């Protein structure tokens, strides 16, 4: 029988990858945003450190 004619399966009987978790996309986007922010801040600090090191150490 085609899937479109079957009644919907309750969440507790579904496979874990088919269960809809509310708010998961928000957590995912927040994690990506934090990773990007850390990369930008860390890269900026590294560039500033290298510029200061070449100016005052050499």
PDB file of N, CA and C in Angstrom:
ATOM      1  N   UNK A   1       0.843  -1.181   0.000  1.00  0.00           N
ATOM      2  CA  UNK A   1       0.000   0.000   0.000  1.00  0.00           C
ATOM      3  C   UNK A   1       0.890   1.247   0.000  1.00  0.00           C
ATOM      4  N   UNK A   2       0.600   2.214  -0.851  1.00  0.00           N
ATOM      5  CA  UNK A   2       1.423   3.424  -0.882  1.00  0.00           C
ATOM      6  C   UNK A   2       1.405   4.168   0.447  1.00  0.00           C
ATOM      7  N   UNK A   3       2.468   4.863   0.696  1.00  0.00           N
ATOM      8  CA  UNK A   3       2.633   5.561   1.971  1.00  0.00           C
ATOM      9  C   UNK A   3       1.586   6.644   2.179  1.00  0.00           C
ATOM     10  N   UNK A   4       1.113   7.283   1.121  1.00  0.00           N
ATOM     11  CA  UNK A   4       0.162   8.383   1.286  1.00  0.00           C
ATOM     12  C   UNK A   4      -1.198   7.920   1.787  1.00  0.00           C
ATOM     13  N   UNK A   5      -1.519   6.630   1.660  1.00  0.00           N
ATOM     14  CA  UNK A   5      -2.810   6.127   2.128  1.00  0.00           C
ATOM     15  C   UNK A   5      -2.742   5.556   3.538  1.00  0.00           C
ATOM     16  N   UNK A   6      -1.553   5.466   4.102  1.00  0.00           N
ATOM     17  CA  UNK A   6      -1.413   4.921   5.449  1.00  0.00           C
ATOM     18  C   UNK A   6      -1.711   6.005   6.479  1.00  0.00           C
ATOM     19  N   UNK A   7      -2.294   5.620   7.621  1.00  0.00           N
ATOM     20  CA  UNK A   7      -2.529   6.619   8.675  1.00  0.00           C
ATOM     21  C   UNK A   7      -1.192   7.069   9.265  1.00  0.00           C
ATOM     22  N   UNK A   8      -1.125   8.305   9.770  1.00  0.00           N
ATOM     23  CA  UNK A   8       0.141   8.784  10.346  1.00  0.00           C
ATOM     24  C   UNK A   8       0.545   7.969  11.575  1.00  0.00           C
ATOM     25  N   UNK A   9       1.836   7.752  11.706  1.00  0.00           N
ATOM     26  CA  UNK A   9       2.371   6.971  12.824  1.00  0.00           C
ATOM     27  C   UNK A   9       2.641   7.920  13.982  1.00  0.00           C
ATOM     28  N   UNK A  10       2.248   7.552  15.222  1.00  0.00           N
ATOM     29  CA  UNK A  10       2.537   8.421  16.376  1.00  0.00           C
ATOM     30  C   UNK A  10       4.047   8.568  16.598  1.00  0.00           C
ATOM     31  N   UNK A  11       4.429   9.672  17.240  1.00  0.00           N
ATOM     32  CA  UNK A  11       5.851   9.975  17.436  1.00  0.00           C
ATOM     33  C   UNK A  11       6.588   8.897  18.223  1.00  0.00           C
ATOM     34  N   UNK A  12       5.945   8.278  19.192  1.00  0.00           N
ATOM     35  CA  UNK A  12       6.660   7.299  20.012  1.00  0.00           C
ATOM     36  C   UNK A  12       6.929   5.999  19.252  1.00  0.00           C
ATOM     37  N   UNK A  13       6.313   5.800  18.095  1.00  0.00           N
ATOM     38  CA  UNK A  13       6.565   4.606  17.292  1.00  0.00           C
ATOM     39  C   UNK A  13       7.463   4.889  16.087  1.00  0.00           C
ATOM     40  N   UNK A  14       7.783   6.115  15.831  1.00  0.00           N
ATOM     41  CA  UNK A  14       8.597   6.461  14.667  1.00  0.00           C
ATOM     42  C   UNK A  14      10.066   6.181  14.918  1.00  0.00           C
ATOM     43  N   UNK A  15      10.793   6.131  13.813  1.00  0.00           N
ATOM     44  CA  UNK A  15      12.246   6.038  13.897  1.00  0.00           C
ATOM     45  C   UNK A  15      12.778   7.357  14.466  1.00  0.00           C
ATOM     46  N   UNK A  16      13.893   7.344  15.185  1.00  0.00           N
ATOM     47  CA  UNK A  16      14.398   8.587  15.794  1.00  0.00           C
ATOM     48  C   UNK A  16      14.689   9.700  14.789  1.00  0.00           C
ATOM     49  N   UNK A  17      15.109   9.358  13.572  1.00  0.00           N
ATOM     50  CA  UNK A  17      15.417  10.400  12.594  1.00  0.00           C
ATOM     51  C   UNK A  17      14.161  10.999  11.973  1.00  0.00           C
ATOM     52  N   UNK A  18      12.991  10.415  12.224  1.00  0.00           N
ATOM     53  CA  UNK A  18      11.747  10.943  11.676  1.00  0.00           C
ATOM     54  C   UNK A  18      10.970  11.786  12.684  1.00  0.00           C
ATOM     55  N   UNK A  19      11.380  11.791  13.933  1.00  0.00           N
ATOM     56  CA  UNK A  19      10.662  12.536  14.961  1.00  0.00           C
ATOM     57  C   UNK A  19      11.036  14.011  14.857  1.00  0.00           C
ATOM     58  N   UNK A  20      10.044  14.862  14.863  1.00  0.00           N
ATOM     59  CA  UNK A  20      10.271  16.302  14.773  1.00  0.00           C
ATOM     60  C   UNK A  20      10.581  16.845  16.166  1.00  0.00           C
ATOM     61  N   UNK A  21      11.750  17.444  16.323  1.00  0.00           N
ATOM     62  CA  UNK A  21      12.159  18.019  17.601  1.00  0.00           C
ATOM     63  C   UNK A  21      11.944  19.524  17.516  1.00  0.00           C
ATOM     64  N   UNK A  22      11.036  20.068  18.321  1.00  0.00           N
ATOM     65  CA  UNK A  22      10.798  21.513  18.237  1.00  0.00           C
ATOM     66  C   UNK A  22      12.013  22.305  18.721  1.00  0.00           C
ATOM     67  N   UNK A  23      12.356  23.330  17.975  1.00  0.00           N
ATOM     68  CA  UNK A  23      13.470  24.188  18.359  1.00  0.00           C
ATOM     69  C   UNK A  23      14.832  23.689  17.938  1.00  0.00           C
ATOM     70  N   UNK A  24      14.897  22.564  17.235  1.00  0.00           N
ATOM     71  CA  UNK A  24      16.202  22.023  16.847  1.00  0.00           C
ATOM     72  C   UNK A  24      16.909  22.933  15.849  1.00  0.00           C
ATOM     73  N   UNK A  25      16.156  23.516  14.916  1.00  0.00           N
ATOM     74  CA  UNK A  25      16.772  24.414  13.939  1.00  0.00           C
ATOM     75  C   UNK A  25      17.339  25.653  14.625  1.00  0.00           C
ATOM     76  N   UNK A  26      16.669  26.138  15.668  1.00  0.00           N
ATOM     77  CA  UNK A  26      17.186  27.307  16.391  1.00  0.00           C
ATOM     78  C   UNK A  26      18.529  26.996  17.044  1.00  0.00           C
ATOM     79  N   UNK A  27      18.637  25.824  17.644  1.00  0.00           N
ATOM     80  CA  UNK A  27      19.891  25.425  18.287  1.00  0.00           C
ATOM     81  C   UNK A  27      20.982  25.241  17.236  1.00  0.00           C
ATOM     82  N   UNK A  28      20.617  24.657  16.103  1.00  0.00           N
ATOM     83  CA  UNK A  28      21.571  24.429  15.017  1.00  0.00           C
ATOM     84  C   UNK A  28      22.117  25.754  14.486  1.00  0.00           C
ATOM     85  N   UNK A  29      21.238  26.699  14.221  1.00  0.00           N
ATOM     86  CA  UNK A  29      21.654  28.003  13.697  1.00  0.00           C
ATOM     87  C   UNK A  29      22.454  28.771  14.746  1.00  0.00           C
ATOM     88  N   UNK A  30      22.053  28.671  16.013  1.00  0.00           N
ATOM     89  CA  UNK A  30      22.803  29.326  17.082  1.00  0.00           C
ATOM     90  C   UNK A  30      24.218  28.758  17.178  1.00  0.00           C
ATOM     91  N   UNK A  31      24.356  27.450  17.081  1.00  0.00           N
ATOM     92  CA  UNK A  31      25.682  26.827  17.123  1.00  0.00           C
ATOM     93  C   UNK A  31      26.565  27.265  15.970  1.00  0.00           C
ATOM     94  N   UNK A  32      25.986  27.340  14.773  1.00  0.00           N
ATOM     95  CA  UNK A  32      26.754  27.807  13.619  1.00  0.00           C
ATOM     96  C   UNK A  32      27.162  29.263  13.811  1.00  0.00           C
ATOM     97  N   UNK A  33      26.255  30.080  14.333  1.00  0.00           N
ATOM     98  CA  UNK A  33      26.568  31.488  14.575  1.00  0.00           C
ATOM     99  C   UNK A  33      27.686  31.660  15.579  1.00  0.00           C
ATOM    100  N   UNK A  34      27.659  30.867  16.649  1.00  0.00           N
ATOM    101  CA  UNK A  34      28.724  30.944  17.661  1.00  0.00           C
ATOM    102  C   UNK A  34      30.058  30.507  17.063  1.00  0.00           C
ATOM    103  N   UNK A  35      30.040  29.454  16.244  1.00  0.00           N
ATOM    104  CA  UNK A  35      31.283  28.990  15.615  1.00  0.00           C
ATOM    105  C   UNK A  35      31.854  30.050  14.680  1.00  0.00           C
ATOM    106  N   UNK A  36      30.994  30.698  13.906  1.00  0.00           N
ATOM    107  CA  UNK A  36      31.461  31.763  13.004  1.00  0.00           C
ATOM    108  C   UNK A  36      32.014  32.932  13.810  1.00  0.00           C
ATOM    109  N   UNK A  37      31.311  33.308  14.870  1.00  0.00           N
ATOM    110  CA  UNK A  37      31.766  34.424  15.704  1.00  0.00           C
ATOM    111  C   UNK A  37      33.118  34.122  16.350  1.00  0.00           C
ATOM    112  N   UNK A  38      33.280  32.911  16.871  1.00  0.00           N
ATOM    113  CA  UNK A  38      34.568  32.536  17.462  1.00  0.00           C
ATOM    114  C   UNK A  38      35.677  32.558  16.417  1.00  0.00           C
ATOM    115  N   UNK A  39      35.370  32.102  15.218  1.00  0.00           N
ATOM    116  CA  UNK A  39      36.366  32.135  14.149  1.00  0.00           C
ATOM    117  C   UNK A  39      36.769  33.548  13.781  1.00  0.00           C
ATOM    118  N   UNK A  40      35.795  34.439  13.687  1.00  0.00           N
ATOM    119  CA  UNK A  40      36.109  35.832  13.346  1.00  0.00           C
ATOM    120  C   UNK A  40      36.914  36.516  14.449  1.00  0.00           C
ATOM    121  N   UNK A  41      36.507  36.312  15.700  1.00  0.00           N
ATOM    122  CA  UNK A  41      37.225  36.936  16.820  1.00  0.00           C
ATOM    123  C   UNK A  41      38.631  36.355  16.937  1.00  0.00           C
ATOM    124  N   UNK A  42      38.739  35.033  16.859  1.00  0.00           N
ATOM    125  CA  UNK A  42      40.058  34.409  16.952  1.00  0.00           C
ATOM    126  C   UNK A  42      40.972  34.819  15.817  1.00  0.00           C
ATOM    127  N   UNK A  43      40.438  34.869  14.607  1.00  0.00           N
ATOM    128  CA  UNK A  43      41.238  35.303  13.465  1.00  0.00           C
ATOM    129  C   UNK A  43      41.672  36.748  13.584  1.00  0.00           C
ATOM    130  N   UNK A  44      40.777  37.601  14.056  1.00  0.00           N
ATOM    131  CA  UNK A  44      41.130  39.016  14.236  1.00  0.00           C
ATOM    132  C   UNK A  44      42.217  39.186  15.293  1.00  0.00           C
ATOM    133  N   UNK A  45      42.089  38.453  16.391  1.00  0.00           N
ATOM    134  CA  UNK A  45      43.119  38.529  17.435  1.00  0.00           C
ATOM    135  C   UNK A  45      44.460  38.020  16.928  1.00  0.00           C
ATOM    136  N   UNK A  46      44.438  36.954  16.144  1.00  0.00           N
ATOM    137  CA  UNK A  46      45.680  36.413  15.607  1.00  0.00           C
ATOM    138  C   UNK A  46      46.333  37.410  14.659  1.00  0.00           C
ATOM    139  N   UNK A  47      45.540  38.032  13.791  1.00  0.00           N
ATOM    140  CA  UNK A  47      46.079  39.036  12.863  1.00  0.00           C
ATOM    141  C   UNK A  47      46.656  40.219  13.638  1.00  0.00           C
ATOM    142  N   UNK A  48      45.928  40.699  14.646  1.00  0.00           N
ATOM    143  CA  UNK A  48      46.424  41.826  15.444  1.00  0.00           C
ATOM    144  C   UNK A  48      47.718  41.449  16.162  1.00  0.00           C
ATOM    145  N   UNK A  49      47.782  40.241  16.709  1.00  0.00           N
ATOM    146  CA  UNK A  49      48.975  39.786  17.402  1.00  0.00           C
ATOM    147  C   UNK A  49      50.164  39.717  16.444  1.00  0.00           C
ATOM    148  N   UNK A  50      49.944  39.175  15.247  1.00  0.00           N
ATOM    149  CA  UNK A  50      51.029  39.074  14.276  1.00  0.00           C
ATOM    150  C   UNK A  50      51.498  40.457  13.818  1.00  0.00           C
ATOM    151  N   UNK A  51      50.568  41.389  13.650  1.00  0.00           N
ATOM    152  CA  UNK A  51      50.953  42.744  13.251  1.00  0.00           C
ATOM    153  C   UNK A  51      51.769  43.427  14.341  1.00  0.00           C
ATOM    154  N   UNK A  52      51.340  43.274  15.592  1.00  0.00           N
ATOM    155  CA  UNK A  52      52.084  43.874  16.702  1.00  0.00           C
ATOM    156  C   UNK A  52      53.439  43.200  16.887  1.00  0.00           C
ATOM    157  N   UNK A  53      53.489  41.890  16.714  1.00  0.00           N
ATOM    158  CA  UNK A  53      54.749  41.169  16.883  1.00  0.00           C
ATOM    159  C   UNK A  53      55.757  41.575  15.818  1.00  0.00           C
ATOM    160  N   UNK A  54      55.316  41.754  14.583  1.00  0.00           N
ATOM    161  CA  UNK A  54      56.264  42.147  13.536  1.00  0.00           C
ATOM    162  C   UNK A  54      56.712  43.595  13.699  1.00  0.00           C
ATOM    163  N   UNK A  55      55.882  44.425  14.276  1.00  0.00           N
ATOM    164  CA  UNK A  55      56.235  45.838  14.424  1.00  0.00           C
ATOM    165  C   UNK A  55      57.218  46.046  15.580  1.00  0.00           C
ATOM    166  N   UNK A  56      57.013  45.354  16.702  1.00  0.00           N
ATOM    167  CA  UNK A  56      57.814  45.630  17.894  1.00  0.00           C
ATOM    168  C   UNK A  56      58.938  44.632  18.140  1.00  0.00           C
ATOM    169  N   UNK A  57      58.870  43.445  17.597  1.00  0.00           N
ATOM    170  CA  UNK A  57      59.894  42.439  17.866  1.00  0.00           C
ATOM    171  C   UNK A  57      61.053  42.574  16.892  1.00  0.00           C
ATOM    172  N   UNK A  58      60.785  42.811  15.644  1.00  0.00           N
ATOM    173  CA  UNK A  58      61.860  42.887  14.647  1.00  0.00           C
ATOM    174  C   UNK A  58      62.663  44.137  14.750  1.00  0.00           C
TER     175      UNK A  58
END
